[in-house]
């Protein structure tokens, strides 16, 4: 992606567009070899006119993921399946989450794997979602290393509601006779 991120977009017309015109983001993705079907999938998941800025969003984000250790296939999958990531701030969302995962004891490869398994992790609030979930895991008897391993094995754990999912599920298991 380091070299791919520097490619200049080539202008193409897209048959699926109402007016036949592409957004710069679509043009750029096309220049990187994304198929029309992949671009359309990303557009449909983005939820509105697919228009993340190439210079301030797509290129820096792809470079960030590449520097983290994600390969081209992982980045491509993330862009196609979770393009909402381009609505985030690199400085205020992505970097703090990556730093937090690293502080949990994960290396860059593990952080990349975790993000690849559960991209919505990048848009979750550190203060309202991520930290409270880990604090709860620790209160349930895990240490920080065990919590990091649990997250690495099943990253969607961080996306579950503490009050509406995790706590009631554990309480139900306790009523069945299971313990910590």
N, C-alpha and C. Protein backbone atom coordinates (compact mmCIF):
# COMPACT_ATOMS: atom_id res chain seq x y z
N UNK A 1 0.81 -1.20 0.00
CA UNK A 1 0.00 0.00 0.00
C UNK A 1 0.84 1.25 0.00
N UNK A 2 2.07 1.15 0.46
CA UNK A 2 2.88 2.37 0.50
C UNK A 2 3.01 2.93 -0.91
N UNK A 3 3.30 2.06 -1.88
CA UNK A 3 3.42 2.55 -3.25
C UNK A 3 2.04 2.75 -3.85
N UNK A 4 1.08 1.88 -3.51
CA UNK A 4 -0.27 2.02 -4.04
C UNK A 4 -0.92 3.31 -3.60
N UNK A 5 -0.65 3.73 -2.38
CA UNK A 5 -1.26 4.95 -1.87
C UNK A 5 -0.78 6.18 -2.60
N UNK A 6 0.34 6.07 -3.27
CA UNK A 6 0.88 7.23 -3.96
C UNK A 6 0.44 7.31 -5.42
N UNK A 7 -0.25 6.28 -5.91
CA UNK A 7 -0.69 6.30 -7.30
C UNK A 7 -1.69 7.43 -7.52
N UNK A 8 -1.66 7.98 -8.67
CA UNK A 8 -2.62 9.02 -9.02
C UNK A 8 -3.88 8.37 -9.57
N UNK A 9 -5.05 8.87 -9.21
CA UNK A 9 -6.27 8.28 -9.73
C UNK A 9 -6.43 8.55 -11.22
N UNK A 10 -7.00 7.58 -11.92
CA UNK A 10 -7.33 7.81 -13.33
C UNK A 10 -8.83 7.98 -13.42
N UNK A 11 -9.25 8.86 -14.26
CA UNK A 11 -10.67 9.17 -14.39
C UNK A 11 -11.35 8.07 -15.19
N UNK A 12 -12.43 7.54 -14.65
CA UNK A 12 -13.21 6.54 -15.34
C UNK A 12 -14.68 6.87 -15.12
N UNK A 13 -15.49 6.41 -16.01
CA UNK A 13 -16.93 6.53 -15.86
C UNK A 13 -17.45 5.23 -15.28
N UNK A 14 -18.38 5.32 -14.42
CA UNK A 14 -18.94 4.14 -13.79
C UNK A 14 -20.39 3.98 -14.25
N UNK A 15 -20.69 2.82 -14.81
CA UNK A 15 -22.02 2.60 -15.36
C UNK A 15 -23.11 2.65 -14.29
N UNK A 16 -22.78 2.34 -13.05
CA UNK A 16 -23.78 2.31 -11.99
C UNK A 16 -24.14 3.69 -11.47
N UNK A 17 -23.43 4.73 -11.81
CA UNK A 17 -23.72 6.06 -11.31
C UNK A 17 -24.88 6.67 -12.07
N UNK A 18 -25.68 7.47 -11.38
CA UNK A 18 -26.82 8.10 -12.01
C UNK A 18 -26.39 8.96 -13.18
N UNK A 19 -25.37 9.78 -12.98
CA UNK A 19 -24.92 10.68 -14.04
C UNK A 19 -23.69 10.14 -14.76
N UNK A 20 -23.26 8.93 -14.44
CA UNK A 20 -22.09 8.34 -15.09
C UNK A 20 -20.78 8.82 -14.51
N UNK A 21 -20.81 9.76 -13.55
CA UNK A 21 -19.59 10.30 -12.98
C UNK A 21 -19.20 9.55 -11.72
N UNK A 22 -17.92 9.53 -11.45
CA UNK A 22 -17.40 8.90 -10.25
C UNK A 22 -16.96 9.96 -9.26
N UNK A 23 -16.99 9.62 -8.01
CA UNK A 23 -16.39 10.50 -7.01
C UNK A 23 -14.88 10.29 -7.09
N UNK A 24 -14.10 11.22 -6.59
CA UNK A 24 -12.64 11.00 -6.56
C UNK A 24 -12.26 9.73 -5.80
N UNK A 25 -13.01 9.39 -4.75
CA UNK A 25 -12.72 8.17 -4.00
C UNK A 25 -12.90 6.94 -4.88
N UNK A 26 -13.97 6.91 -5.67
CA UNK A 26 -14.21 5.79 -6.58
C UNK A 26 -13.12 5.72 -7.64
N UNK A 27 -12.74 6.86 -8.17
CA UNK A 27 -11.68 6.90 -9.18
C UNK A 27 -10.37 6.37 -8.60
N UNK A 28 -10.07 6.78 -7.39
CA UNK A 28 -8.83 6.35 -6.76
C UNK A 28 -8.84 4.84 -6.52
N UNK A 29 -9.95 4.33 -5.98
CA UNK A 29 -10.05 2.89 -5.74
C UNK A 29 -9.92 2.12 -7.05
N UNK A 30 -10.51 2.64 -8.10
CA UNK A 30 -10.41 2.00 -9.41
C UNK A 30 -8.96 1.97 -9.87
N UNK A 31 -8.23 3.06 -9.61
CA UNK A 31 -6.82 3.13 -10.04
C UNK A 31 -5.96 2.12 -9.28
N UNK A 32 -6.43 1.69 -8.11
CA UNK A 32 -5.71 0.70 -7.32
C UNK A 32 -6.11 -0.73 -7.69
N UNK A 33 -7.05 -0.86 -8.61
CA UNK A 33 -7.44 -2.18 -9.08
C UNK A 33 -8.68 -2.75 -8.44
N UNK A 34 -9.39 -1.95 -7.66
CA UNK A 34 -10.65 -2.42 -7.10
C UNK A 34 -11.63 -2.60 -8.25
N UNK A 35 -12.39 -3.68 -8.21
CA UNK A 35 -13.38 -3.94 -9.26
C UNK A 35 -14.60 -3.04 -9.03
N UNK A 36 -15.43 -2.95 -10.04
CA UNK A 36 -16.65 -2.16 -9.91
C UNK A 36 -17.54 -2.75 -8.82
N UNK A 37 -17.59 -4.08 -8.73
CA UNK A 37 -18.39 -4.74 -7.69
C UNK A 37 -17.86 -4.40 -6.30
N UNK A 38 -16.54 -4.38 -6.12
CA UNK A 38 -15.96 -4.03 -4.82
C UNK A 38 -16.25 -2.58 -4.46
N UNK A 39 -16.13 -1.71 -5.43
CA UNK A 39 -16.41 -0.29 -5.18
C UNK A 39 -17.88 -0.10 -4.84
N UNK A 40 -18.76 -0.78 -5.56
CA UNK A 40 -20.19 -0.67 -5.27
C UNK A 40 -20.53 -1.21 -3.88
N UNK A 41 -19.85 -2.27 -3.46
CA UNK A 41 -20.07 -2.82 -2.12
C UNK A 41 -19.64 -1.79 -1.07
N UNK A 42 -18.48 -1.18 -1.27
CA UNK A 42 -18.00 -0.15 -0.33
C UNK A 42 -18.98 1.03 -0.31
N UNK A 43 -19.45 1.44 -1.48
CA UNK A 43 -20.40 2.55 -1.56
C UNK A 43 -21.68 2.24 -0.81
N UNK A 44 -22.19 1.02 -0.97
CA UNK A 44 -23.45 0.67 -0.32
C UNK A 44 -23.28 0.61 1.20
N UNK A 45 -22.11 0.24 1.66
CA UNK A 45 -21.87 0.16 3.10
C UNK A 45 -21.52 1.52 3.71
N UNK A 46 -21.09 2.44 2.89
CA UNK A 46 -20.73 3.77 3.38
C UNK A 46 -21.99 4.52 3.80
N UNK A 47 -23.11 4.24 3.10
CA UNK A 47 -24.39 4.77 3.52
C UNK A 47 -24.84 6.08 2.91
N UNK A 48 -23.99 6.76 2.20
CA UNK A 48 -24.36 7.99 1.52
C UNK A 48 -23.40 8.12 0.35
N UNK A 49 -23.45 9.23 -0.34
CA UNK A 49 -22.53 9.41 -1.46
C UNK A 49 -21.10 9.10 -1.00
N UNK A 50 -20.48 8.14 -1.65
CA UNK A 50 -19.14 7.68 -1.26
C UNK A 50 -18.14 8.75 -1.64
N UNK A 51 -17.76 9.56 -0.66
CA UNK A 51 -16.91 10.70 -0.99
C UNK A 51 -15.83 11.00 0.04
N UNK A 52 -15.22 9.97 0.66
CA UNK A 52 -14.11 10.32 1.55
C UNK A 52 -12.99 10.94 0.74
N UNK A 53 -12.35 11.94 1.30
CA UNK A 53 -11.28 12.63 0.60
C UNK A 53 -10.07 11.71 0.42
N UNK A 54 -9.59 11.65 -0.80
CA UNK A 54 -8.47 10.77 -1.13
C UNK A 54 -7.21 11.19 -0.38
N UNK A 55 -6.91 12.49 -0.38
CA UNK A 55 -5.67 12.99 0.20
C UNK A 55 -5.68 12.99 1.73
N UNK A 56 -6.80 13.38 2.33
CA UNK A 56 -6.82 13.49 3.79
C UNK A 56 -7.39 12.26 4.49
N UNK A 57 -8.04 11.36 3.78
CA UNK A 57 -8.63 10.18 4.41
C UNK A 57 -8.06 8.88 3.85
N UNK A 58 -8.35 8.58 2.59
CA UNK A 58 -8.02 7.25 2.06
C UNK A 58 -6.51 6.98 2.09
N UNK A 59 -5.71 7.85 1.52
CA UNK A 59 -4.26 7.60 1.50
C UNK A 59 -3.65 7.51 2.89
N UNK A 60 -3.91 8.48 3.79
CA UNK A 60 -3.31 8.38 5.12
C UNK A 60 -3.80 7.16 5.91
N UNK A 61 -5.07 6.81 5.76
CA UNK A 61 -5.59 5.66 6.48
C UNK A 61 -4.93 4.38 5.97
N UNK A 62 -4.85 4.23 4.65
CA UNK A 62 -4.21 3.03 4.08
C UNK A 62 -2.75 2.95 4.50
N UNK A 63 -2.07 4.07 4.52
CA UNK A 63 -0.68 4.11 4.95
C UNK A 63 -0.57 3.72 6.43
N UNK A 64 -1.49 4.23 7.24
CA UNK A 64 -1.53 3.91 8.66
C UNK A 64 -1.70 2.40 8.87
N UNK A 65 -2.65 1.81 8.17
CA UNK A 65 -2.88 0.37 8.29
C UNK A 65 -1.69 -0.43 7.78
N UNK A 66 -1.07 0.03 6.72
CA UNK A 66 0.12 -0.63 6.19
C UNK A 66 1.27 -0.56 7.19
N UNK A 67 1.48 0.61 7.78
CA UNK A 67 2.54 0.79 8.77
C UNK A 67 2.29 -0.09 10.01
N UNK A 68 1.02 -0.35 10.28
CA UNK A 68 0.66 -1.20 11.41
C UNK A 68 0.99 -2.67 11.14
N UNK A 69 1.13 -3.00 9.86
CA UNK A 69 1.46 -4.38 9.50
C UNK A 69 0.39 -5.10 8.72
N UNK A 70 -0.69 -4.40 8.38
CA UNK A 70 -1.72 -5.04 7.57
C UNK A 70 -1.21 -5.15 6.15
N UNK A 71 -1.46 -6.30 5.51
CA UNK A 71 -1.04 -6.45 4.12
C UNK A 71 -2.13 -5.90 3.19
N UNK A 72 -1.82 -5.86 1.90
CA UNK A 72 -2.76 -5.30 0.93
C UNK A 72 -4.14 -5.96 0.99
N UNK A 73 -4.16 -7.29 1.14
CA UNK A 73 -5.43 -8.02 1.17
C UNK A 73 -6.26 -7.63 2.40
N UNK A 74 -5.61 -7.46 3.55
CA UNK A 74 -6.32 -7.07 4.76
C UNK A 74 -6.88 -5.64 4.64
N UNK A 75 -6.08 -4.76 4.06
CA UNK A 75 -6.53 -3.37 3.89
C UNK A 75 -7.68 -3.33 2.90
N UNK A 76 -7.56 -4.07 1.82
CA UNK A 76 -8.62 -4.13 0.80
C UNK A 76 -9.92 -4.61 1.44
N UNK A 77 -9.83 -5.67 2.23
CA UNK A 77 -11.02 -6.23 2.90
C UNK A 77 -11.63 -5.19 3.83
N UNK A 78 -10.80 -4.49 4.59
CA UNK A 78 -11.29 -3.47 5.50
C UNK A 78 -11.99 -2.34 4.74
N UNK A 79 -11.38 -1.87 3.66
CA UNK A 79 -11.95 -0.77 2.87
C UNK A 79 -13.29 -1.17 2.25
N UNK A 80 -13.36 -2.38 1.73
CA UNK A 80 -14.59 -2.84 1.08
C UNK A 80 -15.69 -3.11 2.11
N UNK A 81 -15.34 -3.78 3.19
CA UNK A 81 -16.35 -4.22 4.16
C UNK A 81 -16.67 -3.21 5.25
N UNK A 82 -15.77 -2.27 5.49
CA UNK A 82 -16.01 -1.29 6.55
C UNK A 82 -15.51 0.10 6.13
N UNK A 83 -16.06 0.63 5.03
CA UNK A 83 -15.60 1.95 4.56
C UNK A 83 -15.99 3.09 5.50
N UNK A 84 -16.88 2.82 6.46
CA UNK A 84 -17.26 3.85 7.43
C UNK A 84 -16.06 4.33 8.22
N UNK A 85 -14.98 3.54 8.20
CA UNK A 85 -13.77 3.94 8.92
C UNK A 85 -13.27 5.30 8.40
N UNK A 86 -13.56 5.61 7.13
CA UNK A 86 -13.12 6.89 6.57
C UNK A 86 -13.88 8.08 7.13
N UNK A 87 -14.92 7.84 7.89
CA UNK A 87 -15.63 8.92 8.56
C UNK A 87 -14.97 9.29 9.88
N UNK A 88 -14.03 8.47 10.31
CA UNK A 88 -13.33 8.68 11.58
C UNK A 88 -12.16 9.64 11.41
N UNK A 89 -11.64 10.03 12.53
CA UNK A 89 -10.42 10.83 12.56
C UNK A 89 -9.24 9.91 12.85
N UNK A 90 -8.20 10.05 12.07
CA UNK A 90 -6.99 9.26 12.29
C UNK A 90 -6.41 9.58 13.67
N UNK A 91 -6.34 10.86 13.98
CA UNK A 91 -5.74 11.31 15.25
C UNK A 91 -6.63 11.06 16.46
N UNK A 92 -7.95 11.23 16.31
CA UNK A 92 -8.85 11.16 17.46
C UNK A 92 -9.51 9.80 17.65
N UNK A 93 -9.53 8.96 16.63
CA UNK A 93 -10.16 7.66 16.74
C UNK A 93 -9.17 6.51 16.57
N UNK A 94 -8.60 6.41 15.38
CA UNK A 94 -7.79 5.25 15.04
C UNK A 94 -6.52 5.13 15.88
N UNK A 95 -5.74 6.19 15.93
CA UNK A 95 -4.48 6.13 16.68
C UNK A 95 -4.69 5.85 18.17
N UNK A 96 -5.64 6.51 18.83
CA UNK A 96 -5.84 6.20 20.26
C UNK A 96 -6.26 4.74 20.51
N UNK A 97 -7.09 4.18 19.62
CA UNK A 97 -7.50 2.79 19.80
C UNK A 97 -6.30 1.86 19.62
N UNK A 98 -5.49 2.12 18.60
CA UNK A 98 -4.30 1.30 18.36
C UNK A 98 -3.32 1.42 19.54
N UNK A 99 -3.12 2.63 20.02
CA UNK A 99 -2.24 2.83 21.18
C UNK A 99 -2.76 2.09 22.41
N UNK A 100 -4.08 2.12 22.60
CA UNK A 100 -4.68 1.44 23.74
C UNK A 100 -4.49 -0.08 23.63
N UNK A 101 -4.72 -0.63 22.43
CA UNK A 101 -4.51 -2.06 22.23
C UNK A 101 -3.04 -2.43 22.49
N UNK A 102 -2.13 -1.57 22.05
CA UNK A 102 -0.71 -1.80 22.30
C UNK A 102 -0.41 -1.76 23.79
N UNK A 103 -1.00 -0.83 24.49
CA UNK A 103 -0.80 -0.73 25.94
C UNK A 103 -1.38 -1.94 26.68
N UNK A 104 -2.33 -2.61 26.03
CA UNK A 104 -2.89 -3.84 26.61
C UNK A 104 -1.89 -4.99 26.51
N UNK A 105 -0.82 -4.77 25.72
CA UNK A 105 0.20 -5.80 25.57
C UNK A 105 0.25 -6.45 24.20
N UNK A 106 -0.55 -5.94 23.27
CA UNK A 106 -0.54 -6.50 21.92
C UNK A 106 0.56 -5.87 21.09
N UNK A 107 1.23 -6.68 20.26
CA UNK A 107 2.20 -6.13 19.32
C UNK A 107 1.46 -5.67 18.06
N UNK A 108 2.17 -5.01 17.15
CA UNK A 108 1.53 -4.47 15.95
C UNK A 108 0.79 -5.53 15.14
N UNK A 109 1.38 -6.72 15.01
CA UNK A 109 0.74 -7.78 14.24
C UNK A 109 -0.58 -8.21 14.90
N UNK A 110 -0.58 -8.29 16.22
CA UNK A 110 -1.80 -8.66 16.94
C UNK A 110 -2.86 -7.56 16.85
N UNK A 111 -2.42 -6.31 16.90
CA UNK A 111 -3.35 -5.19 16.75
C UNK A 111 -3.96 -5.23 15.36
N UNK A 112 -3.14 -5.44 14.34
CA UNK A 112 -3.65 -5.51 12.96
C UNK A 112 -4.63 -6.66 12.81
N UNK A 113 -4.32 -7.80 13.40
CA UNK A 113 -5.21 -8.96 13.33
C UNK A 113 -6.54 -8.66 14.02
N UNK A 114 -6.49 -8.01 15.17
CA UNK A 114 -7.69 -7.66 15.92
C UNK A 114 -8.57 -6.72 15.11
N UNK A 115 -7.96 -5.70 14.51
CA UNK A 115 -8.71 -4.75 13.69
C UNK A 115 -9.29 -5.46 12.46
N UNK A 116 -8.50 -6.32 11.85
CA UNK A 116 -8.97 -7.07 10.69
C UNK A 116 -10.17 -7.95 11.00
N UNK A 117 -10.21 -8.52 12.20
CA UNK A 117 -11.33 -9.37 12.61
C UNK A 117 -12.57 -8.57 12.98
N UNK A 118 -12.36 -7.35 13.49
CA UNK A 118 -13.48 -6.56 13.98
C UNK A 118 -13.24 -5.07 13.74
N UNK A 119 -13.36 -4.62 12.47
CA UNK A 119 -13.12 -3.20 12.15
C UNK A 119 -13.96 -2.20 12.94
N UNK A 120 -15.21 -2.53 13.33
CA UNK A 120 -15.97 -1.54 14.11
C UNK A 120 -15.27 -1.13 15.41
N UNK A 121 -14.32 -1.91 15.84
CA UNK A 121 -13.51 -1.57 17.01
C UNK A 121 -12.93 -0.16 16.88
N UNK A 122 -12.61 0.24 15.66
CA UNK A 122 -11.97 1.54 15.43
C UNK A 122 -12.88 2.72 15.72
N UNK A 123 -14.18 2.50 15.74
CA UNK A 123 -15.10 3.62 15.97
C UNK A 123 -15.72 3.58 17.37
N UNK A 124 -15.37 2.56 18.15
CA UNK A 124 -15.89 2.50 19.51
C UNK A 124 -15.16 3.50 20.40
N UNK A 125 -15.88 4.02 21.36
CA UNK A 125 -15.31 4.99 22.29
C UNK A 125 -14.40 4.27 23.29
N UNK A 126 -13.20 4.81 23.47
CA UNK A 126 -12.29 4.26 24.48
C UNK A 126 -12.91 4.36 25.87
N UNK A 127 -13.46 5.52 26.19
CA UNK A 127 -13.96 5.78 27.53
C UNK A 127 -15.31 5.13 27.82
N UNK A 128 -16.15 4.99 26.79
CA UNK A 128 -17.49 4.46 27.03
C UNK A 128 -17.62 2.98 26.69
N UNK A 129 -16.74 2.43 25.87
CA UNK A 129 -16.86 1.03 25.47
C UNK A 129 -15.65 0.19 25.85
N UNK A 130 -14.50 0.55 25.30
CA UNK A 130 -13.33 -0.31 25.39
C UNK A 130 -12.79 -0.44 26.81
N UNK A 131 -12.48 0.67 27.43
CA UNK A 131 -11.93 0.61 28.79
C UNK A 131 -12.89 -0.02 29.80
N UNK A 132 -14.19 0.36 29.79
CA UNK A 132 -15.10 -0.27 30.75
C UNK A 132 -15.22 -1.79 30.56
N UNK A 133 -15.17 -2.25 29.32
CA UNK A 133 -15.26 -3.69 29.08
C UNK A 133 -14.05 -4.40 29.66
N UNK A 134 -12.87 -3.85 29.44
CA UNK A 134 -11.67 -4.49 29.99
C UNK A 134 -11.66 -4.39 31.52
N UNK A 135 -12.09 -3.26 32.05
CA UNK A 135 -12.17 -3.13 33.51
C UNK A 135 -13.13 -4.18 34.09
N UNK A 136 -14.22 -4.43 33.40
CA UNK A 136 -15.17 -5.45 33.84
C UNK A 136 -14.55 -6.84 33.77
N UNK A 137 -13.82 -7.13 32.68
CA UNK A 137 -13.15 -8.43 32.55
C UNK A 137 -12.17 -8.63 33.70
N UNK A 138 -11.44 -7.58 34.04
CA UNK A 138 -10.49 -7.66 35.16
C UNK A 138 -11.25 -7.87 36.48
N UNK A 139 -12.36 -7.16 36.65
CA UNK A 139 -13.16 -7.33 37.86
C UNK A 139 -13.74 -8.74 37.95
N UNK A 140 -13.92 -9.40 36.81
CA UNK A 140 -14.44 -10.76 36.78
C UNK A 140 -13.36 -11.79 37.07
N UNK A 141 -12.11 -11.32 37.21
CA UNK A 141 -11.03 -12.22 37.59
C UNK A 141 -9.91 -12.39 36.59
N UNK A 142 -10.03 -11.75 35.44
CA UNK A 142 -8.94 -11.83 34.46
C UNK A 142 -7.87 -10.80 34.81
N UNK A 143 -6.63 -11.10 34.43
CA UNK A 143 -5.63 -10.04 34.51
C UNK A 143 -5.56 -9.37 33.13
N UNK A 144 -4.77 -8.34 33.02
CA UNK A 144 -4.69 -7.57 31.78
C UNK A 144 -4.24 -8.44 30.60
N UNK A 145 -3.30 -9.32 30.82
CA UNK A 145 -2.80 -10.21 29.76
C UNK A 145 -3.90 -11.16 29.29
N UNK A 146 -4.66 -11.71 30.23
CA UNK A 146 -5.76 -12.60 29.87
C UNK A 146 -6.85 -11.83 29.11
N UNK A 147 -7.13 -10.61 29.52
CA UNK A 147 -8.12 -9.79 28.82
C UNK A 147 -7.67 -9.51 27.39
N UNK A 148 -6.38 -9.20 27.23
CA UNK A 148 -5.84 -8.96 25.88
C UNK A 148 -5.96 -10.22 25.03
N UNK A 149 -5.69 -11.39 25.60
CA UNK A 149 -5.82 -12.65 24.86
C UNK A 149 -7.27 -12.90 24.47
N UNK A 150 -8.20 -12.60 25.37
CA UNK A 150 -9.62 -12.78 25.07
C UNK A 150 -10.04 -11.87 23.91
N UNK A 151 -9.55 -10.64 23.93
CA UNK A 151 -9.86 -9.68 22.86
C UNK A 151 -9.24 -10.16 21.55
N UNK A 152 -8.02 -10.63 21.61
CA UNK A 152 -7.34 -11.12 20.41
C UNK A 152 -8.08 -12.31 19.81
N UNK A 153 -8.58 -13.21 20.64
CA UNK A 153 -9.31 -14.38 20.15
C UNK A 153 -10.70 -14.02 19.64
N UNK A 154 -11.35 -13.04 20.28
CA UNK A 154 -12.71 -12.68 19.90
C UNK A 154 -12.92 -11.17 20.04
N UNK A 155 -12.39 -10.39 19.08
CA UNK A 155 -12.49 -8.93 19.16
C UNK A 155 -13.91 -8.38 19.28
N UNK A 156 -14.95 -9.04 18.71
CA UNK A 156 -16.30 -8.48 18.89
C UNK A 156 -16.73 -8.37 20.34
N UNK A 157 -16.03 -9.03 21.24
CA UNK A 157 -16.29 -8.91 22.67
C UNK A 157 -16.35 -7.43 23.08
N UNK A 158 -15.49 -6.63 22.48
CA UNK A 158 -15.43 -5.20 22.82
C UNK A 158 -16.65 -4.43 22.33
N UNK A 159 -17.38 -5.01 21.40
CA UNK A 159 -18.55 -4.33 20.85
C UNK A 159 -19.84 -4.66 21.58
N UNK A 160 -19.80 -5.64 22.47
CA UNK A 160 -21.01 -6.01 23.21
C UNK A 160 -21.29 -5.02 24.32
N UNK A 161 -22.55 -4.76 24.53
CA UNK A 161 -22.97 -3.89 25.62
C UNK A 161 -22.73 -4.59 26.96
N UNK A 162 -22.08 -3.89 27.87
CA UNK A 162 -21.88 -4.44 29.20
C UNK A 162 -23.22 -4.69 29.90
N UNK A 163 -24.06 -3.68 29.90
CA UNK A 163 -25.31 -3.74 30.64
C UNK A 163 -26.37 -4.62 29.99
N UNK A 164 -26.40 -4.67 28.67
CA UNK A 164 -27.46 -5.41 27.97
C UNK A 164 -27.03 -6.78 27.45
N UNK A 165 -25.73 -7.09 27.51
CA UNK A 165 -25.29 -8.36 26.96
C UNK A 165 -24.35 -9.10 27.91
N UNK A 166 -23.17 -8.53 28.14
CA UNK A 166 -22.15 -9.26 28.90
C UNK A 166 -22.57 -9.58 30.34
N UNK A 167 -22.96 -8.56 31.08
CA UNK A 167 -23.34 -8.80 32.48
C UNK A 167 -24.54 -9.75 32.62
N UNK A 168 -25.62 -9.55 31.84
CA UNK A 168 -26.74 -10.49 31.95
C UNK A 168 -26.36 -11.92 31.53
N UNK A 169 -25.52 -12.05 30.55
CA UNK A 169 -25.10 -13.39 30.11
C UNK A 169 -24.31 -14.10 31.20
N UNK A 170 -23.38 -13.37 31.80
CA UNK A 170 -22.58 -13.96 32.88
C UNK A 170 -23.49 -14.30 34.06
N UNK A 171 -24.41 -13.41 34.39
CA UNK A 171 -25.34 -13.67 35.49
C UNK A 171 -26.16 -14.93 35.20
N UNK A 172 -26.63 -15.08 33.99
CA UNK A 172 -27.39 -16.27 33.59
C UNK A 172 -26.55 -17.53 33.74
N UNK A 173 -25.28 -17.46 33.30
CA UNK A 173 -24.40 -18.62 33.43
C UNK A 173 -24.16 -18.98 34.90
N UNK A 174 -24.05 -17.96 35.76
CA UNK A 174 -23.86 -18.20 37.19
C UNK A 174 -25.10 -18.91 37.76
N UNK A 175 -26.30 -18.49 37.31
CA UNK A 175 -27.52 -19.15 37.81
C UNK A 175 -27.59 -20.61 37.36
N UNK A 176 -26.89 -20.95 36.30
CA UNK A 176 -26.84 -22.33 35.83
C UNK A 176 -25.78 -23.15 36.57
N UNK A 177 -25.04 -22.48 37.46
CA UNK A 177 -24.04 -23.18 38.25
C UNK A 177 -22.61 -22.99 37.77
N UNK A 178 -22.43 -22.20 36.72
CA UNK A 178 -21.06 -21.94 36.26
C UNK A 178 -20.49 -20.80 37.11
N UNK A 179 -19.20 -20.84 37.33
CA UNK A 179 -18.57 -19.76 38.07
C UNK A 179 -17.40 -19.22 37.28
N UNK A 180 -16.74 -18.23 37.85
CA UNK A 180 -15.64 -17.56 37.18
C UNK A 180 -14.58 -18.55 36.81
